[in-house]
N, C-alpha and C. Protein backbone atom coordinates (compact mmCIF):
# COMPACT_ATOMS: atom_id res chain seq x y z
N GLN A 1 1.54 67.70 -58.15
CA GLN A 1 1.86 69.11 -58.33
C GLN A 1 2.01 69.44 -59.83
N ALA A 2 2.65 68.54 -60.58
CA ALA A 2 2.82 68.75 -62.01
C ALA A 2 1.46 68.82 -62.69
N GLU A 3 0.53 67.96 -62.20
CA GLU A 3 -0.81 67.96 -62.76
C GLU A 3 -1.50 69.30 -62.50
N GLU A 4 -1.33 69.84 -61.33
CA GLU A 4 -1.91 71.14 -60.97
C GLU A 4 -1.33 72.23 -61.85
N GLU A 5 -0.03 72.18 -62.07
CA GLU A 5 0.63 73.19 -62.92
C GLU A 5 0.11 73.10 -64.35
N LEU A 6 -0.08 71.85 -64.84
CA LEU A 6 -0.62 71.67 -66.18
C LEU A 6 -2.04 72.22 -66.28
N LYS A 7 -2.85 71.96 -65.25
CA LYS A 7 -4.23 72.47 -65.24
C LYS A 7 -4.22 74.00 -65.24
N THR A 8 -3.35 74.58 -64.46
CA THR A 8 -3.24 76.04 -64.39
C THR A 8 -2.80 76.60 -65.74
N ALA A 9 -1.78 75.97 -66.32
CA ALA A 9 -1.29 76.41 -67.62
C ALA A 9 -2.38 76.26 -68.67
N TRP A 10 -3.08 75.12 -68.63
CA TRP A 10 -4.18 74.87 -69.57
C TRP A 10 -5.28 75.92 -69.41
N SER A 11 -5.59 76.24 -68.19
CA SER A 11 -6.62 77.24 -67.89
C SER A 11 -6.20 78.61 -68.43
N GLN A 12 -4.93 78.93 -68.24
CA GLN A 12 -4.43 80.22 -68.74
C GLN A 12 -4.47 80.26 -70.28
N GLN A 13 -4.05 79.14 -70.89
CA GLN A 13 -4.06 79.06 -72.35
C GLN A 13 -5.49 79.18 -72.89
N ALA A 14 -6.42 78.50 -72.23
CA ALA A 14 -7.81 78.55 -72.66
C ALA A 14 -8.35 79.96 -72.53
N GLY A 15 -7.99 80.66 -71.46
CA GLY A 15 -8.42 82.06 -71.28
C GLY A 15 -7.85 82.96 -72.35
N GLN A 16 -6.58 82.72 -72.67
CA GLN A 16 -5.95 83.53 -73.73
C GLN A 16 -6.59 83.27 -75.08
N LEU A 17 -6.91 81.99 -75.35
CA LEU A 17 -7.57 81.65 -76.62
C LEU A 17 -8.94 82.31 -76.72
N ARG A 18 -9.69 82.28 -75.61
CA ARG A 18 -11.00 82.93 -75.61
C ARG A 18 -10.86 84.43 -75.86
N GLU A 19 -9.87 85.03 -75.21
CA GLU A 19 -9.63 86.46 -75.39
C GLU A 19 -9.24 86.78 -76.84
N MET A 20 -8.40 85.93 -77.42
CA MET A 20 -7.99 86.12 -78.81
C MET A 20 -9.19 85.97 -79.74
N GLY A 21 -10.06 85.03 -79.43
CA GLY A 21 -11.28 84.84 -80.22
C GLY A 21 -12.17 86.08 -80.15
N CYS A 22 -12.30 86.64 -78.97
CA CYS A 22 -13.11 87.86 -78.81
C CYS A 22 -12.49 89.01 -79.61
N ARG A 23 -11.17 89.14 -79.52
CA ARG A 23 -10.49 90.21 -80.27
C ARG A 23 -10.68 90.02 -81.77
N GLU A 24 -10.59 88.77 -82.22
CA GLU A 24 -10.76 88.49 -83.64
C GLU A 24 -12.16 88.88 -84.10
N ARG A 25 -13.17 88.53 -83.31
CA ARG A 25 -14.54 88.89 -83.66
C ARG A 25 -14.71 90.41 -83.71
N LEU A 26 -14.12 91.09 -82.73
CA LEU A 26 -14.20 92.56 -82.72
C LEU A 26 -13.50 93.16 -83.95
N LEU A 27 -12.34 92.62 -84.27
CA LEU A 27 -11.60 93.11 -85.44
C LEU A 27 -12.39 92.88 -86.72
N ARG A 28 -12.98 91.69 -86.86
CA ARG A 28 -13.79 91.41 -88.04
C ARG A 28 -14.98 92.37 -88.13
N SER A 29 -15.57 92.64 -87.00
CA SER A 29 -16.69 93.57 -86.95
C SER A 29 -16.22 94.98 -87.35
N ASP A 30 -15.06 95.40 -86.84
CA ASP A 30 -14.51 96.71 -87.19
C ASP A 30 -14.20 96.79 -88.68
N VAL A 31 -13.64 95.72 -89.23
CA VAL A 31 -13.32 95.70 -90.66
C VAL A 31 -14.60 95.81 -91.48
N GLN A 32 -15.62 95.09 -91.10
CA GLN A 32 -16.89 95.14 -91.83
C GLN A 32 -17.49 96.55 -91.78
N ARG A 33 -17.45 97.17 -90.60
CA ARG A 33 -17.96 98.53 -90.48
C ARG A 33 -17.14 99.49 -91.34
N ALA A 34 -15.82 99.30 -91.35
CA ALA A 34 -14.95 100.16 -92.16
C ALA A 34 -15.29 100.02 -93.64
N LYS A 35 -15.54 98.77 -94.08
CA LYS A 35 -15.92 98.55 -95.48
C LYS A 35 -17.23 99.27 -95.81
N GLU A 36 -18.18 99.17 -94.89
CA GLU A 36 -19.47 99.83 -95.11
C GLU A 36 -19.30 101.35 -95.17
N HIS A 37 -18.46 101.89 -94.27
CA HIS A 37 -18.20 103.33 -94.28
C HIS A 37 -17.53 103.76 -95.58
N LEU A 38 -16.57 102.96 -96.05
CA LEU A 38 -15.87 103.27 -97.28
C LEU A 38 -16.84 103.28 -98.46
N GLU A 39 -17.68 102.28 -98.53
CA GLU A 39 -18.65 102.21 -99.63
C GLU A 39 -19.61 103.41 -99.58
N SER A 40 -20.04 103.74 -98.37
CA SER A 40 -20.93 104.88 -98.20
C SER A 40 -20.22 106.17 -98.61
N PHE A 41 -18.95 106.30 -98.23
CA PHE A 41 -18.18 107.49 -98.58
C PHE A 41 -17.99 107.59 -100.09
N LYS A 42 -17.65 106.47 -100.72
CA LYS A 42 -17.46 106.47 -102.18
C LYS A 42 -18.75 106.90 -102.88
N THR A 43 -19.87 106.35 -102.44
CA THR A 43 -21.15 106.71 -103.04
C THR A 43 -21.44 108.19 -102.83
N TRP A 44 -21.18 108.66 -101.62
CA TRP A 44 -21.40 110.08 -101.31
C TRP A 44 -20.55 110.97 -102.21
N VAL A 45 -19.26 110.62 -102.37
CA VAL A 45 -18.36 111.41 -103.22
C VAL A 45 -18.91 111.46 -104.64
N MET A 46 -19.33 110.32 -105.14
CA MET A 46 -19.84 110.29 -106.52
C MET A 46 -21.15 111.07 -106.64
N GLN A 47 -22.00 111.01 -105.62
CA GLN A 47 -23.25 111.76 -105.68
C GLN A 47 -22.97 113.25 -105.67
N VAL A 48 -21.99 113.65 -104.88
CA VAL A 48 -21.64 115.07 -104.82
C VAL A 48 -21.02 115.50 -106.14
N CYS A 49 -20.14 114.67 -106.68
CA CYS A 49 -19.43 115.01 -107.92
C CYS A 49 -20.32 114.91 -109.15
N SER A 50 -21.14 113.89 -109.17
CA SER A 50 -21.97 113.65 -110.36
C SER A 50 -23.20 112.85 -109.95
N PRO A 51 -24.26 113.53 -109.55
CA PRO A 51 -25.45 112.83 -109.06
C PRO A 51 -26.01 111.78 -110.02
N SER A 52 -25.83 111.97 -111.31
CA SER A 52 -26.38 111.00 -112.26
C SER A 52 -25.58 109.71 -112.29
N THR A 53 -24.33 109.75 -111.80
CA THR A 53 -23.46 108.58 -111.86
C THR A 53 -23.73 107.60 -110.72
N ALA A 54 -24.02 108.11 -109.55
CA ALA A 54 -24.13 107.24 -108.38
C ALA A 54 -25.50 107.35 -107.73
N GLY A 55 -25.81 106.35 -106.97
CA GLY A 55 -27.03 106.38 -106.19
C GLY A 55 -28.27 106.07 -107.00
N SER A 56 -28.48 106.79 -108.07
CA SER A 56 -29.71 106.60 -108.84
C SER A 56 -29.71 105.29 -109.59
N THR A 57 -28.52 104.77 -109.91
CA THR A 57 -28.47 103.51 -110.66
C THR A 57 -28.56 102.30 -109.74
N GLY A 58 -28.30 102.51 -108.47
CA GLY A 58 -28.35 101.41 -107.52
C GLY A 58 -27.08 100.57 -107.53
N LYS A 59 -26.14 100.88 -108.39
CA LYS A 59 -24.89 100.13 -108.45
C LYS A 59 -23.89 100.73 -107.47
N SER A 60 -23.01 99.89 -106.95
CA SER A 60 -22.00 100.44 -106.05
C SER A 60 -20.93 101.12 -106.87
N VAL A 61 -20.33 102.11 -106.29
CA VAL A 61 -19.33 102.91 -106.96
C VAL A 61 -17.96 102.28 -106.74
N THR A 62 -17.18 102.18 -107.79
CA THR A 62 -15.85 101.58 -107.66
C THR A 62 -14.85 102.65 -107.23
N GLU A 63 -13.76 102.18 -106.64
CA GLU A 63 -12.70 103.10 -106.24
C GLU A 63 -12.14 103.82 -107.46
N GLN A 64 -12.06 103.11 -108.58
CA GLN A 64 -11.55 103.70 -109.81
C GLN A 64 -12.42 104.87 -110.25
N GLN A 65 -13.74 104.71 -110.16
CA GLN A 65 -14.65 105.79 -110.54
C GLN A 65 -14.44 107.01 -109.65
N VAL A 66 -14.30 106.75 -108.35
CA VAL A 66 -14.09 107.85 -107.40
C VAL A 66 -12.77 108.55 -107.73
N MET A 67 -11.71 107.77 -107.94
CA MET A 67 -10.41 108.36 -108.23
C MET A 67 -10.45 109.17 -109.53
N GLU A 68 -11.11 108.65 -110.55
CA GLU A 68 -11.21 109.37 -111.82
C GLU A 68 -11.97 110.69 -111.65
N LYS A 69 -13.05 110.63 -110.89
CA LYS A 69 -13.85 111.85 -110.67
C LYS A 69 -13.06 112.87 -109.87
N VAL A 70 -12.36 112.42 -108.84
CA VAL A 70 -11.55 113.34 -108.03
C VAL A 70 -10.44 113.94 -108.91
N ARG A 71 -9.82 113.11 -109.75
CA ARG A 71 -8.78 113.60 -110.67
C ARG A 71 -9.37 114.64 -111.63
N GLN A 72 -10.55 114.35 -112.15
CA GLN A 72 -11.20 115.27 -113.07
C GLN A 72 -11.48 116.61 -112.39
N ILE A 73 -12.00 116.56 -111.19
CA ILE A 73 -12.30 117.79 -110.45
C ILE A 73 -11.00 118.55 -110.15
N SER A 74 -9.97 117.81 -109.79
CA SER A 74 -8.68 118.44 -109.52
C SER A 74 -8.13 119.13 -110.76
N ASP A 75 -8.23 118.47 -111.92
CA ASP A 75 -7.78 119.07 -113.18
C ASP A 75 -8.58 120.33 -113.50
N GLU A 76 -9.89 120.24 -113.33
CA GLU A 76 -10.74 121.39 -113.60
C GLU A 76 -10.40 122.55 -112.66
N ASN A 77 -10.12 122.21 -111.42
CA ASN A 77 -9.74 123.23 -110.44
C ASN A 77 -8.43 123.90 -110.84
N GLN A 78 -7.47 123.09 -111.28
CA GLN A 78 -6.17 123.62 -111.72
C GLN A 78 -6.36 124.54 -112.92
N GLN A 79 -7.17 124.12 -113.88
CA GLN A 79 -7.43 124.95 -115.06
C GLN A 79 -8.11 126.26 -114.67
N SER A 80 -9.01 126.16 -113.72
CA SER A 80 -9.70 127.35 -113.24
C SER A 80 -8.72 128.33 -112.60
N HIS A 81 -7.79 127.81 -111.80
CA HIS A 81 -6.79 128.67 -111.16
C HIS A 81 -5.89 129.31 -112.21
N GLU A 82 -5.50 128.54 -113.22
CA GLU A 82 -4.66 129.08 -114.29
C GLU A 82 -5.40 130.17 -115.05
N ARG A 83 -6.67 129.94 -115.33
CA ARG A 83 -7.49 130.94 -116.03
C ARG A 83 -7.62 132.20 -115.17
N GLU A 84 -7.82 132.01 -113.86
CA GLU A 84 -7.93 133.14 -112.95
C GLU A 84 -6.64 133.96 -112.96
N LYS A 85 -5.49 133.30 -112.91
CA LYS A 85 -4.20 134.01 -112.95
C LYS A 85 -4.05 134.78 -114.26
N SER A 86 -4.45 134.14 -115.35
CA SER A 86 -4.36 134.79 -116.66
C SER A 86 -5.24 136.04 -116.69
N LEU A 87 -6.46 135.92 -116.18
CA LEU A 87 -7.37 137.06 -116.18
C LEU A 87 -6.87 138.17 -115.25
N GLN A 88 -6.27 137.79 -114.12
CA GLN A 88 -5.72 138.79 -113.22
C GLN A 88 -4.56 139.54 -113.89
N LYS A 89 -3.74 138.80 -114.62
CA LYS A 89 -2.63 139.41 -115.34
C LYS A 89 -3.15 140.37 -116.40
N GLU A 90 -4.16 139.93 -117.14
CA GLU A 90 -4.76 140.77 -118.16
C GLU A 90 -5.37 142.03 -117.55
N LEU A 91 -6.06 141.86 -116.43
CA LEU A 91 -6.66 143.00 -115.75
C LEU A 91 -5.60 143.98 -115.27
N SER A 92 -4.53 143.44 -114.74
CA SER A 92 -3.43 144.29 -114.28
C SER A 92 -2.84 145.09 -115.43
N CYS A 93 -2.65 144.43 -116.58
CA CYS A 93 -2.13 145.14 -117.77
C CYS A 93 -3.09 146.24 -118.21
N ARG A 94 -4.36 145.93 -118.21
CA ARG A 94 -5.35 146.93 -118.64
C ARG A 94 -5.40 148.11 -117.66
N LEU A 95 -5.27 147.82 -116.37
CA LEU A 95 -5.27 148.90 -115.39
C LEU A 95 -4.03 149.78 -115.58
N THR A 96 -2.91 149.16 -115.87
CA THR A 96 -1.69 149.92 -116.11
C THR A 96 -1.86 150.81 -117.34
N LYS A 97 -2.42 150.27 -118.42
CA LYS A 97 -2.67 151.06 -119.63
C LYS A 97 -3.65 152.19 -119.34
N GLU A 98 -4.68 151.88 -118.55
CA GLU A 98 -5.67 152.89 -118.21
C GLU A 98 -5.03 154.03 -117.44
N LYS A 99 -4.13 153.69 -116.52
CA LYS A 99 -3.43 154.75 -115.78
C LYS A 99 -2.56 155.59 -116.70
N GLU A 100 -1.92 154.93 -117.66
CA GLU A 100 -1.09 155.66 -118.63
C GLU A 100 -1.95 156.61 -119.46
N VAL A 101 -3.08 156.10 -119.94
CA VAL A 101 -3.98 156.93 -120.74
C VAL A 101 -4.50 158.08 -119.90
N SER A 102 -4.85 157.80 -118.65
CA SER A 102 -5.36 158.83 -117.76
C SER A 102 -4.29 159.90 -117.53
N ALA A 103 -3.06 159.46 -117.32
CA ALA A 103 -1.96 160.41 -117.12
C ALA A 103 -1.74 161.24 -118.39
N ASN A 104 -1.78 160.58 -119.54
CA ASN A 104 -1.62 161.29 -120.81
C ASN A 104 -2.75 162.30 -121.03
N MET A 105 -3.95 161.92 -120.65
CA MET A 105 -5.10 162.82 -120.77
C MET A 105 -4.90 164.04 -119.88
N GLU A 106 -4.37 163.82 -118.71
CA GLU A 106 -4.13 164.92 -117.78
C GLU A 106 -3.09 165.88 -118.37
N VAL A 107 -2.02 165.32 -118.93
CA VAL A 107 -0.99 166.15 -119.56
C VAL A 107 -1.60 166.91 -120.74
N PHE A 108 -2.39 166.23 -121.55
CA PHE A 108 -3.05 166.86 -122.69
C PHE A 108 -3.97 167.99 -122.22
N LYS A 109 -4.73 167.72 -121.16
CA LYS A 109 -5.67 168.71 -120.63
C LYS A 109 -4.91 169.94 -120.14
N ASN A 110 -3.82 169.70 -119.41
CA ASN A 110 -3.01 170.82 -118.90
C ASN A 110 -2.40 171.60 -120.06
N SER A 111 -1.92 170.90 -121.06
CA SER A 111 -1.33 171.57 -122.23
C SER A 111 -2.38 172.41 -122.95
N LEU A 112 -3.57 171.86 -123.07
CA LEU A 112 -4.67 172.57 -123.73
C LEU A 112 -5.04 173.84 -122.97
N GLN A 113 -5.08 173.72 -121.65
CA GLN A 113 -5.41 174.89 -120.83
C GLN A 113 -4.33 175.97 -120.97
N LYS A 114 -3.07 175.55 -121.05
CA LYS A 114 -1.98 176.52 -121.20
C LYS A 114 -2.06 177.21 -122.55
N LEU A 115 -2.46 176.47 -123.56
CA LEU A 115 -2.58 177.06 -124.89
C LEU A 115 -3.70 178.09 -124.94
N GLN A 116 -4.74 177.87 -124.18
CA GLN A 116 -5.86 178.80 -124.19
C GLN A 116 -5.45 180.03 -123.42
């Protein structure tokens, strides 16, 4: 009976080991696919950001290059937003001055008509 129990236990252990081996192979396959997707994504990002930097040279793009390019684009975007705010402020000031001038012109026009 002990021998039967050992055989059963051995059989269960062997089944578990086979299952673990299958899982390991699947995980390795998933990791490899993820690496390929990451490399493809990095290359795509660099091609979108700077076509002359990636793809055409045949070299793989480093994470550092991608991060630097994303940082650069982010900085440029921030500067653009700041410039837009500045221009909106300037436009608002000019519109306010224009309204003042227009109001003053109206007063001047009315005064001129009264004088005539």
